[in-house]
Amino acid sequence: MIECRVLRSTDDDFKHCSAIRMVVFVEEQQVPPEEELDDLDAVAVHLLALVDGEPVGTGRLIVEDGRTARIGRMAVLRSHRGEGIGSAILIRLMELARERGVGTVTLAGQLHAIPFYEKHGFRAHGQVFLDAGIEHRSMDRQLA
């Protein structure tokens, strides 16, 4: 069973979110470490996904204004990919957005992950752009 814990960056368990992001983004995808952890962590709501008590995935939600929020930093450890953890994180982040009165969620999807987000109702738009040297497209979804 997948448990998704809601955290702030000041919570002790946030260290697991940071560690997962460092493995997935910095080690696997070669994102510079100084770009991975940022000032937005302090204002974001974070999720820590656990399987049998083991931290395996993370994601964050940033409410940008009263009606829009951005999902980001979604990462699942390689050993647990394909088990529905990313879906559980994404669904819970959208629930948290709804609870905060958000009507639209946005994200920057890595090109290989676009089909995953589309399965969850997101729509890609605009040109491909580079973020930390990785190709992305902007995506959004209405929550109403």
Protein backbone atom coordinates (compact mmCIF):
# COMPACT_ATOMS: atom_id res chain seq x y z
CA MET A 1 0.00 0.00 0.00
CA ILE A 2 1.19 3.49 -0.87
CA GLU A 3 1.05 6.12 1.85
CA CYS A 4 1.38 9.79 0.85
CA ARG A 5 2.39 12.06 3.73
CA VAL A 6 1.84 15.81 3.47
CA LEU A 7 4.90 17.74 4.65
CA ARG A 8 6.46 21.17 4.89
CA SER A 9 10.16 21.73 4.26
CA THR A 10 10.61 22.28 8.01
CA ASP A 11 9.37 18.77 8.88
CA ASP A 12 11.97 16.11 9.75
CA ASP A 13 10.71 13.77 7.02
CA PHE A 14 11.41 16.40 4.35
CA LYS A 15 15.00 15.09 4.34
CA HIS A 16 13.62 11.99 2.56
CA CYS A 17 12.02 14.15 -0.15
CA SER A 18 15.34 15.94 -0.66
CA ALA A 19 17.26 12.66 -0.80
CA ILE A 20 14.90 11.17 -3.41
CA ARG A 21 15.15 14.31 -5.54
CA MET A 22 18.95 14.21 -5.34
CA VAL A 23 19.04 10.59 -6.50
CA VAL A 24 16.54 11.04 -9.35
CA PHE A 25 17.33 14.52 -10.60
CA VAL A 26 20.98 15.09 -9.67
CA GLU A 27 22.46 11.59 -9.93
CA GLU A 28 20.28 10.08 -12.68
CA GLN A 29 19.43 13.15 -14.75
CA GLN A 30 22.54 15.26 -14.08
CA VAL A 31 20.65 18.32 -12.83
CA PRO A 32 23.09 20.62 -11.02
CA PRO A 33 22.49 20.24 -7.25
CA GLU A 34 22.20 24.00 -6.76
CA GLU A 35 19.26 24.04 -9.20
CA GLU A 36 17.41 21.15 -7.59
CA LEU A 37 16.73 22.48 -4.08
CA ASP A 38 15.36 26.01 -4.30
CA ASP A 39 13.65 28.77 -2.35
CA LEU A 40 10.23 27.49 -3.43
CA ASP A 41 10.64 24.47 -1.15
CA ALA A 42 9.93 26.77 1.80
CA VAL A 43 6.48 27.75 0.47
CA ALA A 44 5.52 24.44 -1.14
CA VAL A 45 3.42 21.61 0.20
CA HIS A 46 5.43 18.42 -0.21
CA LEU A 47 4.35 14.80 -0.47
CA LEU A 48 6.44 11.87 0.63
CA ALA A 49 5.31 8.53 -0.78
CA LEU A 50 6.10 5.48 1.30
CA VAL A 51 5.71 1.77 0.58
CA ASP A 52 5.87 -0.41 3.69
CA GLY A 53 7.31 2.58 5.54
CA GLU A 54 10.13 3.06 3.02
CA PRO A 55 10.41 6.50 1.33
CA VAL A 56 10.16 5.92 -2.43
CA GLY A 57 8.74 9.05 -4.07
CA THR A 58 8.00 12.73 -3.71
CA GLY A 59 6.33 15.73 -5.32
CA ARG A 60 5.41 19.28 -4.41
CA LEU A 61 2.57 21.75 -4.88
CA ILE A 62 2.97 25.51 -5.02
CA VAL A 63 -0.17 27.63 -4.91
CA GLU A 64 0.70 30.57 -7.15
CA ASP A 65 -2.45 32.60 -6.71
CA GLY A 66 -5.92 31.82 -5.45
CA ARG A 67 -6.90 29.82 -8.53
CA THR A 68 -3.68 28.33 -9.95
CA ALA A 69 -1.10 25.94 -8.53
CA ARG A 70 2.01 24.32 -9.92
CA ILE A 71 3.00 20.69 -9.43
CA GLY A 72 6.67 19.89 -9.59
CA ARG A 73 9.67 17.93 -8.39
CA MET A 74 7.84 14.64 -8.90
CA ALA A 75 10.28 11.78 -8.51
CA VAL A 76 10.08 8.05 -7.82
CA LEU A 77 13.11 5.90 -7.06
CA ARG A 78 14.01 3.68 -10.00
CA SER A 79 13.48 0.52 -7.91
CA HIS A 80 9.80 1.45 -7.46
CA ARG A 81 8.82 2.84 -10.85
CA GLY A 82 5.87 1.21 -12.57
CA GLU A 83 4.12 0.47 -9.27
CA GLY A 84 1.58 3.31 -9.38
CA ILE A 85 3.51 5.55 -6.99
CA GLY A 86 3.75 8.47 -9.42
CA SER A 87 0.00 8.26 -10.01
CA ALA A 88 -0.69 8.19 -6.26
CA ILE A 89 1.50 11.28 -5.75
CA LEU A 90 -0.08 13.17 -8.65
CA ILE A 91 -3.65 12.35 -7.60
CA ARG A 92 -2.95 13.42 -4.00
CA LEU A 93 -1.31 16.67 -5.15
CA MET A 94 -4.41 17.46 -7.23
CA GLU A 95 -6.62 16.72 -4.19
CA LEU A 96 -4.53 19.12 -2.11
CA ALA A 97 -4.92 21.77 -4.81
CA ARG A 98 -8.71 21.30 -4.83
CA GLU A 99 -8.80 21.58 -1.03
CA ARG A 100 -7.11 24.97 -1.40
CA GLY A 101 -9.68 26.21 -3.92
CA VAL A 102 -7.41 25.88 -6.94
CA GLY A 103 -9.12 25.52 -10.32
CA THR A 104 -6.11 24.95 -12.59
CA VAL A 105 -2.91 23.02 -11.99
CA THR A 106 0.14 23.44 -14.20
CA LEU A 107 3.41 21.60 -14.53
CA ALA A 108 6.48 21.33 -16.73
CA GLY A 109 6.52 17.76 -18.00
CA GLN A 110 9.69 16.11 -19.21
CA LEU A 111 9.02 14.90 -22.74
CA HIS A 112 9.24 11.21 -21.82
CA ALA A 113 6.66 11.75 -19.02
CA ILE A 114 4.03 13.56 -21.11
CA PRO A 115 1.98 10.37 -21.79
CA PHE A 116 1.89 9.72 -18.02
CA TYR A 117 0.49 13.19 -17.32
CA GLU A 118 -1.95 12.96 -20.23
CA LYS A 119 -3.43 9.80 -18.67
CA HIS A 120 -4.25 12.01 -15.68
CA GLY A 121 -6.03 14.65 -17.77
CA PHE A 122 -3.18 17.08 -18.39
CA ARG A 123 -2.85 18.78 -21.76
CA ALA A 124 0.50 19.78 -23.26
CA HIS A 125 0.83 23.15 -24.98
CA GLY A 126 3.51 25.46 -26.28
CA GLN A 127 6.99 24.75 -27.52
CA VAL A 128 9.56 22.39 -26.07
CA PHE A 129 11.89 24.21 -23.67
CA LEU A 130 14.97 23.30 -21.67
CA ASP A 131 14.94 23.26 -17.89
CA ALA A 132 18.23 22.16 -16.29
CA GLY A 133 19.24 20.87 -19.73
CA ILE A 134 16.19 18.57 -20.00
CA GLU A 135 13.45 19.00 -22.63
CA HIS A 136 10.01 19.86 -21.18
CA ARG A 137 6.61 21.10 -22.29
CA SER A 138 4.12 23.12 -20.29
CA MET A 139 1.02 21.20 -19.27
CA ASP A 140 -2.18 22.07 -17.44
CA ARG A 141 -5.38 20.56 -16.17
CA GLN A 142 -8.65 22.05 -14.95
CA LEU A 143 -9.78 20.63 -11.61
CA ALA A 144 -13.42 21.77 -11.69
